[in-house]
């Protein structure tokens, strides 16, 4: 007997979720910081290390990135669920999200945008290419530096018993990894 499938509308892209959710920090023209929640972010190259992120053309973060091209990607854990939701539910054009939520900056090594204190880690990035993709722009960025909490990493990778990486499902629904599983097949 074969598996039964039903067809969904192509706009139901949430079937690709859950996905890790991050906070992007950019420096506003006045020197303040803007924060945006993002799940549409993925590695696209390891040599050189690059990521791609899809951002709505209507957002303040899009406007700032298009102008100065520097940002940090802040990695979140389960304790950041309310922060992720709040930062993703309000427009930076209307509210100073950085001040409203009460973030504290962590100085970056190569760029002016800071990391966020208390996050699991952050990447310093600089835009290298922009591609128009409908209502969004796909920003391709070089990873300049990576900073992680030393208590959550072992041998260059997350200790998954300690680091409860936050995943976004849809709207206010988030999840975290529940258990570690290993493939049983050998190469």
Protein backbone atom coordinates (compact mmCIF):
# COMPACT_ATOMS: atom_id res chain seq x y z
CA UNK A 1 0.00 0.00 0.00
CA UNK A 2 1.37 3.45 -0.91
CA UNK A 3 1.38 6.56 1.25
CA UNK A 4 -1.57 8.91 0.82
CA UNK A 5 -0.82 12.59 0.07
CA UNK A 6 -3.01 15.64 -0.23
CA UNK A 7 -2.19 18.73 -2.26
CA UNK A 8 -1.71 22.08 -0.55
CA UNK A 9 -1.69 25.56 -2.02
CA UNK A 10 1.86 26.69 -2.93
CA UNK A 11 1.46 29.55 -0.43
CA UNK A 12 1.53 26.96 2.39
CA UNK A 13 5.32 27.21 2.58
CA UNK A 14 5.14 26.53 6.33
CA UNK A 15 5.38 22.85 5.42
CA UNK A 16 9.12 23.64 5.24
CA UNK A 17 9.06 24.58 8.94
CA UNK A 18 10.04 24.29 11.74
CA UNK A 19 13.20 26.26 11.05
CA UNK A 20 15.74 27.87 13.37
CA UNK A 21 14.74 31.41 14.23
CA UNK A 22 17.26 34.21 14.67
CA UNK A 23 17.45 37.90 15.49
CA UNK A 24 19.13 40.17 12.94
CA UNK A 25 20.70 43.39 14.27
CA UNK A 26 21.51 46.35 12.02
CA UNK A 27 22.74 49.87 12.81
CA UNK A 28 20.24 52.63 12.01
CA UNK A 29 21.46 55.87 10.40
CA UNK A 30 21.10 57.65 13.78
CA UNK A 31 23.47 55.11 15.39
CA UNK A 32 20.73 53.16 17.19
CA UNK A 33 20.02 49.50 16.55
CA UNK A 34 17.14 47.74 14.84
CA UNK A 35 16.23 44.11 15.51
CA UNK A 36 14.29 41.77 13.23
CA UNK A 37 13.22 38.16 13.76
CA UNK A 38 14.00 35.85 10.84
CA UNK A 39 13.60 32.16 10.05
CA UNK A 40 14.26 32.46 6.30
CA UNK A 41 18.04 32.16 6.63
CA UNK A 42 20.31 29.36 5.45
CA UNK A 43 23.99 28.55 4.81
CA UNK A 44 24.76 28.61 1.08
CA UNK A 45 28.56 28.14 0.92
CA UNK A 46 31.29 26.83 3.19
CA UNK A 47 34.24 28.07 1.12
CA UNK A 48 33.96 30.99 1.47
CA UNK A 49 31.45 30.85 4.34
CA UNK A 50 28.22 32.54 3.21
CA UNK A 51 24.59 32.66 4.26
CA UNK A 52 21.45 33.80 2.46
CA UNK A 53 18.50 35.54 4.07
CA UNK A 54 15.18 36.53 2.55
CA UNK A 55 13.79 39.83 3.84
CA UNK A 56 10.61 41.70 2.93
CA UNK A 57 11.21 44.88 0.96
CA UNK A 58 8.75 46.65 3.28
CA UNK A 59 10.86 46.20 6.42
CA UNK A 60 13.20 48.67 8.11
CA UNK A 61 15.90 46.01 8.22
CA UNK A 62 15.70 45.67 4.42
CA UNK A 63 16.10 49.43 3.99
CA UNK A 64 19.11 49.57 6.31
CA UNK A 65 20.80 46.44 4.89
CA UNK A 66 20.42 47.81 1.37
CA UNK A 67 22.30 50.93 2.47
CA UNK A 68 25.05 49.75 4.85
CA UNK A 69 25.22 45.96 4.34
CA UNK A 70 26.39 44.96 7.83
CA UNK A 71 24.48 42.88 10.37
CA UNK A 72 24.69 40.24 13.04
CA UNK A 73 22.73 37.00 13.18
CA UNK A 74 21.92 36.14 16.79
CA UNK A 75 21.19 32.51 17.66
CA UNK A 76 18.28 31.91 20.01
CA UNK A 77 17.34 29.27 22.56
CA UNK A 78 14.04 28.28 24.12
CA UNK A 79 14.37 31.02 26.76
CA UNK A 80 14.18 33.62 23.95
CA UNK A 81 10.74 32.60 22.59
CA UNK A 82 8.89 35.72 23.78
CA UNK A 83 11.67 38.01 22.57
CA UNK A 84 11.63 36.34 19.14
CA UNK A 85 7.88 36.72 18.87
CA UNK A 86 7.82 40.36 20.05
CA UNK A 87 10.66 41.43 17.76
CA UNK A 88 8.95 39.71 14.82
CA UNK A 89 5.49 41.15 15.48
CA UNK A 90 6.27 44.87 15.47
CA UNK A 91 7.62 47.09 12.70
CA UNK A 92 10.90 48.87 13.32
CA UNK A 93 9.40 51.83 11.45
CA UNK A 94 6.90 52.26 14.32
CA UNK A 95 8.81 51.25 17.44
CA UNK A 96 12.41 51.19 18.68
CA UNK A 97 12.41 47.44 19.28
CA UNK A 98 15.95 47.42 20.69
CA UNK A 99 14.98 49.78 23.53
CA UNK A 100 11.48 48.39 24.00
CA UNK A 101 12.74 44.84 24.59
CA UNK A 102 15.80 46.04 26.51
CA UNK A 103 18.58 44.32 24.61
CA UNK A 104 22.19 44.79 25.68
CA UNK A 105 24.88 44.92 22.97
CA UNK A 106 27.96 42.73 22.65
CA UNK A 107 30.71 44.41 20.63
CA UNK A 108 31.53 42.87 17.27
CA UNK A 109 35.09 42.42 16.03
CA UNK A 110 34.75 43.50 12.37
CA UNK A 111 31.49 45.44 11.99
CA UNK A 112 29.54 48.13 13.85
CA UNK A 113 26.36 46.06 14.39
CA UNK A 114 26.54 44.34 17.79
CA UNK A 115 25.56 40.91 18.94
CA UNK A 116 22.85 40.55 21.59
CA UNK A 117 23.94 39.70 25.12
CA UNK A 118 22.41 36.44 26.37
CA UNK A 119 21.91 34.83 22.96
CA UNK A 120 23.58 31.50 22.26
CA UNK A 121 25.95 33.18 19.83
CA UNK A 122 26.17 35.55 16.91
CA UNK A 123 27.63 35.81 13.43
CA UNK A 124 29.12 39.01 12.03
CA UNK A 125 28.11 39.34 8.38
CA UNK A 126 28.49 41.66 5.39
CA UNK A 127 26.28 41.63 2.29
CA UNK A 128 28.03 40.53 -0.91
CA UNK A 129 25.04 40.22 -3.26
CA UNK A 130 21.32 41.02 -3.46
CA UNK A 131 18.76 39.18 -5.60
CA UNK A 132 15.19 40.35 -6.20
CA UNK A 133 12.75 37.52 -5.42
CA UNK A 134 9.20 38.86 -5.48
CA UNK A 135 8.15 40.78 -2.38
CA UNK A 136 11.52 39.95 -0.78
CA UNK A 137 15.19 40.42 -1.49
CA UNK A 138 17.57 37.51 -1.06
CA UNK A 139 20.66 38.92 0.64
CA UNK A 140 23.83 36.83 0.24
CA UNK A 141 26.35 37.62 2.97
CA UNK A 142 29.89 36.71 3.92
CA UNK A 143 30.37 35.41 7.46
CA UNK A 144 33.25 37.44 8.92
CA UNK A 145 33.30 36.04 12.44
CA UNK A 146 31.33 33.69 14.71
CA UNK A 147 31.01 34.04 18.49
CA UNK A 148 29.33 31.36 20.63
CA UNK A 149 28.69 30.80 24.32
CA UNK A 150 31.48 28.48 25.46
CA UNK A 151 29.16 26.58 27.82
CA UNK A 152 26.98 25.44 24.90
CA UNK A 153 29.59 24.19 22.41
CA UNK A 154 31.74 21.04 22.30
CA UNK A 155 34.27 20.27 19.57
CA UNK A 156 33.00 23.11 17.37
CA UNK A 157 29.33 22.07 17.48
CA UNK A 158 26.35 22.68 19.77
CA UNK A 159 26.03 20.46 22.82
CA UNK A 160 22.43 19.52 22.02
CA UNK A 161 21.77 18.43 25.58
CA UNK A 162 22.37 22.02 26.72
CA UNK A 163 21.71 24.23 23.67
CA UNK A 164 17.95 24.15 23.10
CA UNK A 165 17.93 25.93 19.72
CA UNK A 166 14.62 27.72 19.11
CA UNK A 167 12.67 26.69 15.99
CA UNK A 168 9.76 28.61 14.48
CA UNK A 169 6.71 26.72 13.23
CA UNK A 170 4.14 29.38 12.40
CA UNK A 171 2.81 32.60 13.94
CA UNK A 172 3.16 32.23 17.76
CA UNK A 173 4.07 28.53 17.56
CA UNK A 174 7.68 27.56 18.28
CA UNK A 175 9.40 24.31 19.21
CA UNK A 176 12.77 22.98 20.31
CA UNK A 177 14.60 19.76 19.41
CA UNK A 178 13.30 16.94 21.57
CA UNK A 179 15.91 14.24 21.23
CA UNK A 180 19.10 13.33 19.45
CA UNK A 181 18.91 10.57 16.84
CA UNK A 182 21.66 8.99 14.77
CA UNK A 183 21.51 7.42 11.34
CA UNK A 184 22.18 3.70 11.63
CA UNK A 185 23.51 3.24 8.11
CA UNK A 186 27.22 3.54 7.51
CA UNK A 187 28.80 5.14 4.48
